[in-house]
Amino acid sequence: MSKEKFITLKSTAVPLPVENIDTDQIIPARFLKATTREGFGDNLFRDWRYDSDNQPIKDFALNNPAYSGKVLVAGKNFGCGSSREHAAWSIYDYGFRVVVSSFYADIFKNNALNNAVLPVVVSDAFLKELLDTIQADPKTEVIVSLENKTISFNNKTESFDINAYKRTCLMNGYDDIDYLLSLNKEIKEYDLAHS
């Protein structure tokens, strides 16, 4: 399923300055029974967002009305733990298009890229300054340019790396099948030349 094209995103952000956030914290295992990707955002960080009486926990960032946007800024080692793709589904379904951290578990990183969520890796120093800035001023805008492979806020910019294939897919709104279909003409030409 293709998604919208990602070239540049300018958005406020939600700070979550917690290290070692695992996939069971992102989406608890008891919510993994659905067979479609829709509705997982309702249970993103479920056990951190709601108490045992199903009431919102007021001091959790996603429940704080001061914070909003399509960028989640999290502590180091985001997405560790089990390999559930549902973690990426829940982040996307909630409305985040970018997660910023200084380190990701490899499986989560790939799952995010496969589900139109851009995992941006920044230095520890840049991450700390970004988190501190957002917490001091929730209206801080973060600019993520996939075209230039940069992330910026308040005139501070850092570059990030991304797999060239996944960058092409995100910039064109492709999933793996869409990408292959986009090469249909080249494939036919190759086939004719080598028949």
C-alpha atoms as a PDB file:
ATOM      1  CA  MET A   1       0.000   0.000   0.000  1.00  0.00           C
ATOM      2  CA  SER A   2       1.594   3.259  -1.064  1.00  0.00           C
ATOM      3  CA  LYS A   3       1.541   6.292   1.182  1.00  0.00           C
ATOM      4  CA  GLU A   4       1.758  10.007   0.627  1.00  0.00           C
ATOM      5  CA  LYS A   5       4.985  11.442  -0.746  1.00  0.00           C
ATOM      6  CA  PHE A   6       7.524  12.682   1.786  1.00  0.00           C
ATOM      7  CA  ILE A   7       9.791  15.490   0.617  1.00  0.00           C
ATOM      8  CA  THR A   8       9.877  18.014   3.475  1.00  0.00           C
ATOM      9  CA  LEU A   9       7.945  18.011   6.722  1.00  0.00           C
ATOM     10  CA  LYS A  10       7.580  21.105   8.890  1.00  0.00           C
ATOM     11  CA  SER A  11       5.821  20.380  12.171  1.00  0.00           C
ATOM     12  CA  THR A  12       5.778  20.860  15.899  1.00  0.00           C
ATOM     13  CA  ALA A  13       6.896  17.816  17.869  1.00  0.00           C
ATOM     14  CA  VAL A  14       6.079  15.634  20.848  1.00  0.00           C
ATOM     15  CA  PRO A  15       8.999  15.023  23.248  1.00  0.00           C
ATOM     16  CA  LEU A  16       9.416  11.613  24.855  1.00  0.00           C
ATOM     17  CA  PRO A  17      12.820  11.766  26.608  1.00  0.00           C
ATOM     18  CA  VAL A  18      12.912   8.104  27.609  1.00  0.00           C
ATOM     19  CA  GLU A  19      15.707   5.730  26.599  1.00  0.00           C
ATOM     20  CA  ASN A  20      15.291   2.083  25.614  1.00  0.00           C
ATOM     21  CA  ILE A  21      11.637   2.311  24.579  1.00  0.00           C
ATOM     22  CA  ASP A  22      10.767  -1.187  23.436  1.00  0.00           C
ATOM     23  CA  THR A  23       8.083  -2.332  21.045  1.00  0.00           C
ATOM     24  CA  ASP A  24       5.907  -3.679  23.868  1.00  0.00           C
ATOM     25  CA  GLN A  25       5.793  -0.181  25.347  1.00  0.00           C
ATOM     26  CA  ILE A  26       5.032   1.276  21.918  1.00  0.00           C
ATOM     27  CA  ILE A  27       2.150  -1.181  21.345  1.00  0.00           C
ATOM     28  CA  PRO A  28       1.445  -3.763  24.076  1.00  0.00           C
ATOM     29  CA  ALA A  29       1.147  -7.371  22.927  1.00  0.00           C
ATOM     30  CA  ARG A  30      -2.516  -7.660  23.965  1.00  0.00           C
ATOM     31  CA  PHE A  31      -3.440  -5.287  21.107  1.00  0.00           C
ATOM     32  CA  LEU A  32      -1.823  -7.316  18.324  1.00  0.00           C
ATOM     33  CA  LYS A  33      -4.891  -9.351  17.344  1.00  0.00           C
ATOM     34  CA  ALA A  34      -6.124  -7.117  14.523  1.00  0.00           C
ATOM     35  CA  THR A  35      -5.442  -8.158  10.952  1.00  0.00           C
ATOM     36  CA  THR A  36      -5.441  -4.675   9.406  1.00  0.00           C
ATOM     37  CA  ARG A  37      -3.210  -1.694  10.151  1.00  0.00           C
ATOM     38  CA  GLU A  38      -6.003   0.674  11.123  1.00  0.00           C
ATOM     39  CA  GLY A  39      -6.798   1.539  14.732  1.00  0.00           C
ATOM     40  CA  PHE A  40      -3.387   0.810  16.212  1.00  0.00           C
ATOM     41  CA  GLY A  41      -2.798   4.500  16.951  1.00  0.00           C
ATOM     42  CA  ASP A  42      -5.502   4.346  19.622  1.00  0.00           C
ATOM     43  CA  ASN A  43      -3.254   2.054  21.646  1.00  0.00           C
ATOM     44  CA  LEU A  44       0.116   3.711  20.972  1.00  0.00           C
ATOM     45  CA  PHE A  45       1.946   3.801  24.330  1.00  0.00           C
ATOM     46  CA  ARG A  46      -1.289   2.514  25.860  1.00  0.00           C
ATOM     47  CA  ASP A  47       0.122   1.624  29.276  1.00  0.00           C
ATOM     48  CA  TRP A  48       1.862   5.000  29.539  1.00  0.00           C
ATOM     49  CA  ARG A  49      -1.133   6.997  28.273  1.00  0.00           C
ATOM     50  CA  TYR A  50      -3.863   5.451  30.426  1.00  0.00           C
ATOM     51  CA  ASP A  51      -4.158   4.241  34.011  1.00  0.00           C
ATOM     52  CA  SER A  52      -5.817   0.985  35.124  1.00  0.00           C
ATOM     53  CA  ASP A  53      -9.231   2.727  35.055  1.00  0.00           C
ATOM     54  CA  ASN A  54      -8.669   3.695  31.403  1.00  0.00           C
ATOM     55  CA  GLN A  55      -8.256   7.364  32.312  1.00  0.00           C
ATOM     56  CA  PRO A  56      -5.597   9.483  30.571  1.00  0.00           C
ATOM     57  CA  ILE A  57      -2.405  10.006  32.572  1.00  0.00           C
ATOM     58  CA  LYS A  58      -2.104  13.785  32.487  1.00  0.00           C
ATOM     59  CA  ASP A  59       1.677  14.104  32.680  1.00  0.00           C
ATOM     60  CA  PHE A  60       2.341  11.799  29.706  1.00  0.00           C
ATOM     61  CA  ALA A  61       3.466  13.778  26.644  1.00  0.00           C
ATOM     62  CA  LEU A  62       0.822  12.411  24.240  1.00  0.00           C
ATOM     63  CA  ASN A  63      -1.885  13.506  26.676  1.00  0.00           C
ATOM     64  CA  ASN A  64      -0.437  16.984  27.145  1.00  0.00           C
ATOM     65  CA  PRO A  65      -2.368  19.461  24.965  1.00  0.00           C
ATOM     66  CA  ALA A  66       0.729  21.659  24.729  1.00  0.00           C
ATOM     67  CA  TYR A  67       2.401  19.058  22.508  1.00  0.00           C
ATOM     68  CA  SER A  68       1.257  18.064  19.045  1.00  0.00           C
ATOM     69  CA  GLY A  69       2.594  17.463  15.581  1.00  0.00           C
ATOM     70  CA  LYS A  70       3.816  14.778  13.220  1.00  0.00           C
ATOM     71  CA  VAL A  71       7.268  14.405  14.796  1.00  0.00           C
ATOM     72  CA  LEU A  72       8.002  12.207  17.816  1.00  0.00           C
ATOM     73  CA  VAL A  73      11.335  12.946  19.505  1.00  0.00           C
ATOM     74  CA  ALA A  74      12.416  10.040  21.705  1.00  0.00           C
ATOM     75  CA  GLY A  75      15.408   8.957  23.757  1.00  0.00           C
ATOM     76  CA  LYS A  76      18.236   6.710  22.630  1.00  0.00           C
ATOM     77  CA  ASN A  77      17.611   3.087  21.567  1.00  0.00           C
ATOM     78  CA  PHE A  78      14.055   3.480  20.316  1.00  0.00           C
ATOM     79  CA  GLY A  79      12.171   0.383  19.124  1.00  0.00           C
ATOM     80  CA  CYS A  80      14.228  -2.271  20.864  1.00  0.00           C
ATOM     81  CA  GLY A  81      12.665  -5.574  21.941  1.00  0.00           C
ATOM     82  CA  SER A  82      10.508  -7.797  19.772  1.00  0.00           C
ATOM     83  CA  SER A  83      10.307  -7.412  16.018  1.00  0.00           C
ATOM     84  CA  ARG A  84       6.577  -6.593  15.836  1.00  0.00           C
ATOM     85  CA  GLU A  85       5.741  -4.471  12.804  1.00  0.00           C
ATOM     86  CA  HIS A  86       2.673  -3.293  14.705  1.00  0.00           C
ATOM     87  CA  ALA A  87       4.912  -0.761  16.493  1.00  0.00           C
ATOM     88  CA  ALA A  88       5.466   1.095  13.220  1.00  0.00           C
ATOM     89  CA  TRP A  89       1.775   0.695  12.326  1.00  0.00           C
ATOM     90  CA  SER A  90       0.718   2.318  15.606  1.00  0.00           C
ATOM     91  CA  ILE A  91       3.115   5.247  15.205  1.00  0.00           C
ATOM     92  CA  TYR A  92       1.886   5.886  11.654  1.00  0.00           C
ATOM     93  CA  ASP A  93      -1.784   5.426  12.564  1.00  0.00           C
ATOM     94  CA  TYR A  94      -1.458   7.893  15.442  1.00  0.00           C
ATOM     95  CA  GLY A  95      -0.249  10.507  12.954  1.00  0.00           C
ATOM     96  CA  PHE A  96       3.523  10.615  13.372  1.00  0.00           C
ATOM     97  CA  ARG A  97       5.532  10.666  10.147  1.00  0.00           C
ATOM     98  CA  VAL A  98       8.979  11.106  11.717  1.00  0.00           C
ATOM     99  CA  VAL A  99      10.631   9.672  14.818  1.00  0.00           C
ATOM    100  CA  VAL A 100      13.866  11.298  15.966  1.00  0.00           C
ATOM    101  CA  SER A 101      16.347   9.424  18.160  1.00  0.00           C
ATOM    102  CA  SER A 102      20.089   8.903  18.421  1.00  0.00           C
ATOM    103  CA  PHE A 103      19.804   5.129  17.937  1.00  0.00           C
ATOM    104  CA  TYR A 104      17.202   2.622  16.707  1.00  0.00           C
ATOM    105  CA  ALA A 105      16.913  -1.124  16.857  1.00  0.00           C
ATOM    106  CA  ASP A 106      17.563  -2.324  13.286  1.00  0.00           C
ATOM    107  CA  ILE A 107      14.318  -4.262  12.902  1.00  0.00           C
ATOM    108  CA  PHE A 108      12.214  -1.344  14.115  1.00  0.00           C
ATOM    109  CA  LYS A 109      14.081   1.020  11.791  1.00  0.00           C
ATOM    110  CA  ASN A 110      13.340  -1.171   8.775  1.00  0.00           C
ATOM    111  CA  ASN A 111       9.712  -1.674   9.811  1.00  0.00           C
ATOM    112  CA  ALA A 112       9.302   2.091  10.150  1.00  0.00           C
ATOM    113  CA  LEU A 113      10.744   2.746   6.692  1.00  0.00           C
ATOM    114  CA  ASN A 114       8.478   0.046   5.215  1.00  0.00           C
ATOM    115  CA  ASN A 115       5.453   1.788   6.742  1.00  0.00           C
ATOM    116  CA  ALA A 116       6.110   5.411   5.701  1.00  0.00           C
ATOM    117  CA  VAL A 117       7.605   6.486   9.036  1.00  0.00           C
ATOM    118  CA  LEU A 118      10.999   8.174   8.727  1.00  0.00           C
ATOM    119  CA  PRO A 119      13.397   7.228  11.559  1.00  0.00           C
ATOM    120  CA  VAL A 120      15.887  10.097  11.758  1.00  0.00           C
ATOM    121  CA  VAL A 121      19.161   9.336  13.555  1.00  0.00           C
ATOM    122  CA  VAL A 122      20.860  12.353  15.143  1.00  0.00           C
ATOM    123  CA  SER A 123      23.779  12.821  17.494  1.00  0.00           C
ATOM    124  CA  ASP A 124      23.202  12.575  21.245  1.00  0.00           C
ATOM    125  CA  ALA A 125      24.008  16.289  21.618  1.00  0.00           C
ATOM    126  CA  PHE A 126      21.544  17.351  18.901  1.00  0.00           C
ATOM    127  CA  LEU A 127      18.862  15.086  20.403  1.00  0.00           C
ATOM    128  CA  LYS A 128      19.304  16.539  23.892  1.00  0.00           C
ATOM    129  CA  GLU A 129      19.148  20.103  22.609  1.00  0.00           C
ATOM    130  CA  LEU A 130      16.049  19.322  20.528  1.00  0.00           C
ATOM    131  CA  LEU A 131      14.270  17.670  23.468  1.00  0.00           C
ATOM    132  CA  ASP A 132      15.184  20.548  25.808  1.00  0.00           C
ATOM    133  CA  THR A 133      14.014  23.122  23.259  1.00  0.00           C
ATOM    134  CA  ILE A 134      10.655  21.425  22.641  1.00  0.00           C
ATOM    135  CA  GLN A 135      10.013  21.040  26.360  1.00  0.00           C
ATOM    136  CA  ALA A 136      10.807  24.737  26.907  1.00  0.00           C
ATOM    137  CA  ASP A 137       8.747  25.833  23.889  1.00  0.00           C
ATOM    138  CA  PRO A 138       6.180  23.328  22.570  1.00  0.00           C
ATOM    139  CA  LYS A 139       5.574  25.562  19.532  1.00  0.00           C
ATOM    140  CA  THR A 140       9.108  24.867  18.259  1.00  0.00           C
ATOM    141  CA  GLU A 141       8.962  23.779  14.623  1.00  0.00           C
ATOM    142  CA  VAL A 142      11.098  20.946  13.361  1.00  0.00           C
ATOM    143  CA  ILE A 143      11.904  20.825   9.646  1.00  0.00           C
ATOM    144  CA  VAL A 144      12.830  17.454   8.184  1.00  0.00           C
ATOM    145  CA  SER A 145      14.031  17.527   4.585  1.00  0.00           C
ATOM    146  CA  LEU A 146      14.267  14.059   3.090  1.00  0.00           C
ATOM    147  CA  GLU A 147      15.452  15.629  -0.142  1.00  0.00           C
ATOM    148  CA  ASN A 148      18.458  17.227   1.606  1.00  0.00           C
ATOM    149  CA  LYS A 149      18.710  14.592   4.359  1.00  0.00           C
ATOM    150  CA  THR A 150      18.656  17.255   7.079  1.00  0.00           C
ATOM    151  CA  ILE A 151      16.741  18.019  10.254  1.00  0.00           C
ATOM    152  CA  SER A 152      16.534  21.583  11.579  1.00  0.00           C
ATOM    153  CA  PHE A 153      15.062  23.621  14.411  1.00  0.00           C
ATOM    154  CA  ASN A 154      15.809  27.176  15.582  1.00  0.00           C
ATOM    155  CA  ASN A 155      18.566  27.632  12.955  1.00  0.00           C
ATOM    156  CA  LYS A 156      20.342  24.446  14.040  1.00  0.00           C
ATOM    157  CA  THR A 157      20.745  21.742  11.403  1.00  0.00           C
ATOM    158  CA  GLU A 158      22.118  18.229  11.350  1.00  0.00           C
ATOM    159  CA  SER A 159      22.395  15.766   8.472  1.00  0.00           C
ATOM    160  CA  PHE A 160      21.162  12.185   8.668  1.00  0.00           C
ATOM    161  CA  ASP A 161      21.754   9.048   6.636  1.00  0.00           C
ATOM    162  CA  ILE A 162      19.102   6.943   4.947  1.00  0.00           C
ATOM    163  CA  ASN A 163      19.182   3.981   2.605  1.00  0.00           C
ATOM    164  CA  ALA A 164      18.948   5.364  -0.955  1.00  0.00           C
ATOM    165  CA  TYR A 165      16.252   2.864  -1.989  1.00  0.00           C
ATOM    166  CA  LYS A 166      14.054   3.652   1.023  1.00  0.00           C
ATOM    167  CA  ARG A 167      14.578   7.383   0.433  1.00  0.00           C
ATOM    168  CA  THR A 168      13.343   6.983  -3.156  1.00  0.00           C
ATOM    169  CA  CYS A 169      10.309   5.030  -1.963  1.00  0.00           C
ATOM    170  CA  LEU A 170       9.370   7.610   0.693  1.00  0.00           C
ATOM    171  CA  MET A 171       9.858  10.565  -1.649  1.00  0.00           C
ATOM    172  CA  ASN A 172       7.575   8.960  -4.245  1.00  0.00           C
ATOM    173  CA  GLY A 173       5.020   7.431  -1.888  1.00  0.00           C
ATOM    174  CA  TYR A 174       6.010   3.922  -2.984  1.00  0.00           C
ATOM    175  CA  ASP A 175       5.914   0.621  -1.200  1.00  0.00           C
ATOM    176  CA  ASP A 176       8.097  -2.174  -2.618  1.00  0.00           C
ATOM    177  CA  ILE A 177       5.481  -3.210  -5.209  1.00  0.00           C
ATOM    178  CA  ASP A 178       4.900   0.387  -6.328  1.00  0.00           C
ATOM    179  CA  TYR A 179       8.641   0.767  -6.809  1.00  0.00           C
ATOM    180  CA  LEU A 180       8.794  -2.301  -9.054  1.00  0.00           C
ATOM    181  CA  LEU A 181       5.786  -1.078 -11.017  1.00  0.00           C
ATOM    182  CA  SER A 182       7.529   2.272 -11.520  1.00  0.00           C
ATOM    183  CA  LEU A 183      10.278   0.374 -13.357  1.00  0.00           C
ATOM    184  CA  ASN A 184       7.837  -1.350 -15.718  1.00  0.00           C
ATOM    185  CA  LYS A 185       9.126   0.459 -18.804  1.00  0.00           C
ATOM    186  CA  GLU A 186      12.773  -0.307 -17.999  1.00  0.00           C
ATOM    187  CA  ILE A 187      11.956  -3.940 -17.246  1.00  0.00           C
ATOM    188  CA  LYS A 188      10.143  -4.344 -20.580  1.00  0.00           C
ATOM    189  CA  GLU A 189      13.018  -2.693 -22.455  1.00  0.00           C
ATOM    190  CA  TYR A 190      15.534  -4.977 -20.755  1.00  0.00           C
ATOM    191  CA  ASP A 191      13.393  -8.012 -21.498  1.00  0.00           C
ATOM    192  CA  LEU A 192      13.110  -7.078 -25.180  1.00  0.00           C
ATOM    193  CA  ALA A 193      16.851  -6.445 -25.440  1.00  0.00           C
ATOM    194  CA  HIS A 194      17.700  -9.799 -23.858  1.00  0.00           C
ATOM    195  CA  SER A 195      15.080 -12.050 -25.443  1.00  0.00           C
END
